[in-house]
């Protein structure tokens, strides 16, 4: 990532140095996940759609510990692998919007809340800004070479209410709590960097 682009990383010192953790990352461009993996202060295991595991990328992504997810069903293998990452004290990377879009955390799925409550892991909001502002001339699917991309890490927070409940109501409440925290972080990151989130 540092060779291709010019990442500016802010707030990395806020990331807890040990223990299970979830990075909740906004998603407006395909490069957002690799960017966070490349600049994060801890190794990160992202939940990645199975369609990305093609050709030589399959053994590479599997080899660096990324988690393949079948989004058309309840993928119990992926769920187990993700919970194993947290149980081992690792960092799980999630795009809580479920798919690439505006990158504004406007529509969250319940998966993030599930992993946070079940895995007992604090959530760190991560804003990736600038990746979708312009397309590259050589490879239109990527930002321009040497483009500035900002990655802003926020303060870790607990998604649960401290009761330990994992009911549907607890998941819904945790999702609402997470959305407020992520939206606030994104607004702060935009102010801090002078950026807007734009779809490519």
Protein backbone atom coordinates (compact mmCIF):
# COMPACT_ATOMS: atom_id res chain seq x y z
CA UNK A 1 0.00 0.00 0.00
CA UNK A 2 2.83 2.42 0.83
CA UNK A 3 4.49 1.57 -2.48
CA UNK A 4 1.39 2.20 -4.60
CA UNK A 5 -0.28 5.05 -2.75
CA UNK A 6 0.45 7.67 -0.09
CA UNK A 7 -1.51 6.56 2.98
CA UNK A 8 -1.88 9.02 5.83
CA UNK A 9 -2.66 7.08 9.00
CA UNK A 10 -4.25 8.90 11.92
CA UNK A 11 -5.18 7.56 15.36
CA UNK A 12 -3.30 4.25 15.10
CA UNK A 13 -2.14 4.81 18.68
CA UNK A 14 -5.76 4.36 19.81
CA UNK A 15 -5.80 0.71 18.73
CA UNK A 16 -5.43 -1.60 21.79
CA UNK A 17 -2.13 -3.45 21.54
CA UNK A 18 -3.52 -6.85 22.58
CA UNK A 19 -6.75 -8.77 22.98
CA UNK A 20 -9.67 -9.50 20.66
CA UNK A 21 -10.73 -6.55 18.54
CA UNK A 22 -12.98 -5.70 15.63
CA UNK A 23 -12.13 -3.08 13.01
CA UNK A 24 -15.40 -1.68 11.61
CA UNK A 25 -14.42 -0.18 8.26
CA UNK A 26 -16.49 1.95 5.87
CA UNK A 27 -16.46 0.59 2.33
CA UNK A 28 -16.59 2.78 -0.77
CA UNK A 29 -13.81 1.15 -2.82
CA UNK A 30 -12.29 -2.31 -3.33
CA UNK A 31 -8.92 -1.06 -2.07
CA UNK A 32 -10.29 -0.19 1.41
CA UNK A 33 -9.68 -3.65 2.93
CA UNK A 34 -6.13 -4.06 1.59
CA UNK A 35 -5.38 -0.48 2.66
CA UNK A 36 -6.40 -1.18 6.26
CA UNK A 37 -4.52 -4.50 6.24
CA UNK A 38 -1.41 -2.70 5.00
CA UNK A 39 -1.36 0.18 7.49
CA UNK A 40 -3.04 -1.21 10.64
CA UNK A 41 -0.83 -1.53 13.72
CA UNK A 42 -1.98 -5.15 14.18
CA UNK A 43 -2.46 -8.06 11.73
CA UNK A 44 -6.07 -8.06 10.54
CA UNK A 45 -8.27 -10.94 9.36
CA UNK A 46 -11.04 -9.56 7.14
CA UNK A 47 -14.32 -11.20 6.30
CA UNK A 48 -14.12 -11.20 2.49
CA UNK A 49 -16.74 -12.34 -0.03
CA UNK A 50 -15.90 -15.70 -1.59
CA UNK A 51 -16.02 -14.13 -5.08
CA UNK A 52 -12.68 -12.42 -4.32
CA UNK A 53 -10.96 -15.78 -3.80
CA UNK A 54 -10.18 -16.43 -7.47
CA UNK A 55 -7.02 -17.66 -9.19
CA UNK A 56 -3.77 -16.85 -7.37
CA UNK A 57 -5.67 -14.62 -4.92
CA UNK A 58 -7.29 -17.68 -3.31
CA UNK A 59 -4.13 -19.24 -1.78
CA UNK A 60 -2.72 -15.77 -1.06
CA UNK A 61 -5.76 -14.50 0.87
CA UNK A 62 -6.15 -17.83 2.66
CA UNK A 63 -2.44 -17.88 3.49
CA UNK A 64 -2.53 -14.45 5.16
CA UNK A 65 -5.52 -15.48 7.27
CA UNK A 66 -8.44 -13.81 5.52
CA UNK A 67 -11.87 -15.36 6.07
CA UNK A 68 -13.89 -16.44 3.01
CA UNK A 69 -17.63 -15.72 3.30
CA UNK A 70 -20.54 -17.00 1.23
CA UNK A 71 -22.97 -14.08 1.35
CA UNK A 72 -25.85 -16.08 -0.16
CA UNK A 73 -26.36 -18.18 2.95
CA UNK A 74 -25.61 -18.37 6.67
CA UNK A 75 -21.98 -19.39 6.31
CA UNK A 76 -21.34 -21.30 9.53
CA UNK A 77 -17.75 -22.14 8.56
CA UNK A 78 -16.94 -18.44 8.15
CA UNK A 79 -18.71 -17.59 11.42
CA UNK A 80 -16.68 -20.23 13.27
CA UNK A 81 -13.40 -19.04 11.73
CA UNK A 82 -14.18 -15.41 12.59
CA UNK A 83 -15.01 -16.29 16.20
CA UNK A 84 -11.79 -18.35 16.36
CA UNK A 85 -9.83 -15.22 15.35
CA UNK A 86 -11.37 -13.31 18.28
CA UNK A 87 -10.97 -16.24 20.69
CA UNK A 88 -7.24 -16.26 19.88
CA UNK A 89 -7.01 -12.54 20.70
CA UNK A 90 -6.79 -11.45 17.08
CA UNK A 91 -8.26 -8.60 15.05
CA UNK A 92 -11.29 -9.22 12.86
CA UNK A 93 -11.95 -6.73 10.05
CA UNK A 94 -15.58 -6.19 9.03
CA UNK A 95 -17.35 -3.98 6.53
CA UNK A 96 -20.53 -3.51 8.59
CA UNK A 97 -22.50 -2.25 5.58
CA UNK A 98 -22.06 -5.72 4.08
CA UNK A 99 -21.06 -4.50 0.63
CA UNK A 100 -19.34 -1.65 -1.16
CA UNK A 101 -21.51 1.48 -1.33
CA UNK A 102 -21.51 5.09 -0.21
CA UNK A 103 -19.18 4.24 2.67
CA UNK A 104 -21.21 6.30 5.13
CA UNK A 105 -22.34 3.57 7.61
CA UNK A 106 -25.98 4.46 6.79
CA UNK A 107 -27.20 0.85 6.57
CA UNK A 108 -25.57 -1.63 8.94
CA UNK A 109 -26.18 -5.35 9.05
CA UNK A 110 -26.39 -7.21 12.35
CA UNK A 111 -23.23 -9.26 11.73
CA UNK A 112 -20.89 -6.79 13.40
CA UNK A 113 -23.01 -6.65 16.55
CA UNK A 114 -23.18 -10.46 16.62
CA UNK A 115 -19.40 -10.86 16.50
CA UNK A 116 -18.84 -8.06 19.02
CA UNK A 117 -21.27 -9.56 21.55
CA UNK A 118 -20.43 -13.22 20.95
CA UNK A 119 -16.67 -12.66 20.76
CA UNK A 120 -16.52 -10.18 23.64
CA UNK A 121 -14.51 -7.84 21.42
CA UNK A 122 -14.36 -4.04 21.52
CA UNK A 123 -15.02 -2.27 18.23
CA UNK A 124 -12.62 0.23 16.66
CA UNK A 125 -14.22 2.43 13.97
CA UNK A 126 -12.01 2.92 10.92
CA UNK A 127 -12.68 5.52 8.22
CA UNK A 128 -10.97 5.14 4.85
CA UNK A 129 -11.26 8.43 2.96
CA UNK A 130 -10.07 9.35 -0.53
CA UNK A 131 -9.97 5.87 -2.04
CA UNK A 132 -13.00 6.48 -4.27
CA UNK A 133 -12.46 10.12 -5.20
CA UNK A 134 -10.79 9.43 -8.55
CA UNK A 135 -10.00 6.43 -10.76
CA UNK A 136 -6.47 5.69 -11.86
CA UNK A 137 -5.42 6.19 -15.47
CA UNK A 138 -3.50 2.92 -15.76
CA UNK A 139 -5.91 0.75 -13.76
CA UNK A 140 -9.36 2.32 -13.49
CA UNK A 141 -10.38 -0.10 -10.71
CA UNK A 142 -7.77 1.47 -8.40
CA UNK A 143 -7.17 5.01 -7.15
CA UNK A 144 -4.43 6.86 -9.08
CA UNK A 145 -0.89 5.74 -8.23
CA UNK A 146 0.59 7.77 -5.37
CA UNK A 147 -2.88 9.10 -4.47
CA UNK A 148 -3.37 10.27 -0.89
CA UNK A 149 -5.66 7.94 1.06
CA UNK A 150 -6.49 8.73 4.67
CA UNK A 151 -7.08 5.96 7.21
CA UNK A 152 -8.44 7.23 10.51
CA UNK A 153 -8.70 4.91 13.52
CA UNK A 154 -11.14 5.85 16.29
CA UNK A 155 -11.49 5.00 19.97
CA UNK A 156 -12.37 1.42 20.90
CA UNK A 157 -15.83 0.96 22.41
CA UNK A 158 -18.00 -1.88 23.69
CA UNK A 159 -21.04 -2.63 21.55
CA UNK A 160 -23.00 -4.30 24.36
CA UNK A 161 -24.75 -2.75 27.33
CA UNK A 162 -22.70 -4.74 29.84
CA UNK A 163 -25.48 -7.26 30.53
CA UNK A 164 -23.97 -10.03 28.44
CA UNK A 165 -27.31 -10.59 26.68
CA UNK A 166 -27.21 -12.03 23.13
CA UNK A 167 -30.92 -11.89 22.33
CA UNK A 168 -32.35 -10.44 19.11
CA UNK A 169 -33.25 -7.29 21.05
CA UNK A 170 -29.70 -7.04 22.41
CA UNK A 171 -28.34 -7.42 18.86
CA UNK A 172 -30.66 -4.70 17.55
CA UNK A 173 -29.69 -2.35 20.38
CA UNK A 174 -25.98 -3.08 19.84
CA UNK A 175 -26.36 -2.42 16.09
CA UNK A 176 -27.97 0.94 16.85
CA UNK A 177 -25.22 1.78 19.34
CA UNK A 178 -22.54 0.80 16.82
CA UNK A 179 -24.12 2.86 14.04
CA UNK A 180 -24.12 6.00 16.20
CA UNK A 181 -20.47 5.51 17.13
CA UNK A 182 -19.38 4.81 13.55
CA UNK A 183 -21.32 7.73 12.11
CA UNK A 184 -19.83 10.09 14.69
CA UNK A 185 -16.33 8.78 13.97
CA UNK A 186 -16.82 9.24 10.23
CA UNK A 187 -17.98 12.84 10.71
CA UNK A 188 -14.96 13.54 12.92
CA UNK A 189 -12.62 11.89 10.38
CA UNK A 190 -14.05 14.01 7.57
CA UNK A 191 -13.50 17.17 9.59
CA UNK A 192 -10.00 16.11 10.59
CA UNK A 193 -8.91 15.32 7.03
CA UNK A 194 -11.06 17.77 5.08
CA UNK A 195 -12.44 14.84 3.07
CA UNK A 196 -15.83 13.71 1.87
CA UNK A 197 -16.84 10.12 1.12
CA UNK A 198 -17.73 9.75 -2.53
CA UNK A 199 -18.67 6.70 -4.53
CA UNK A 200 -16.37 5.95 -7.47
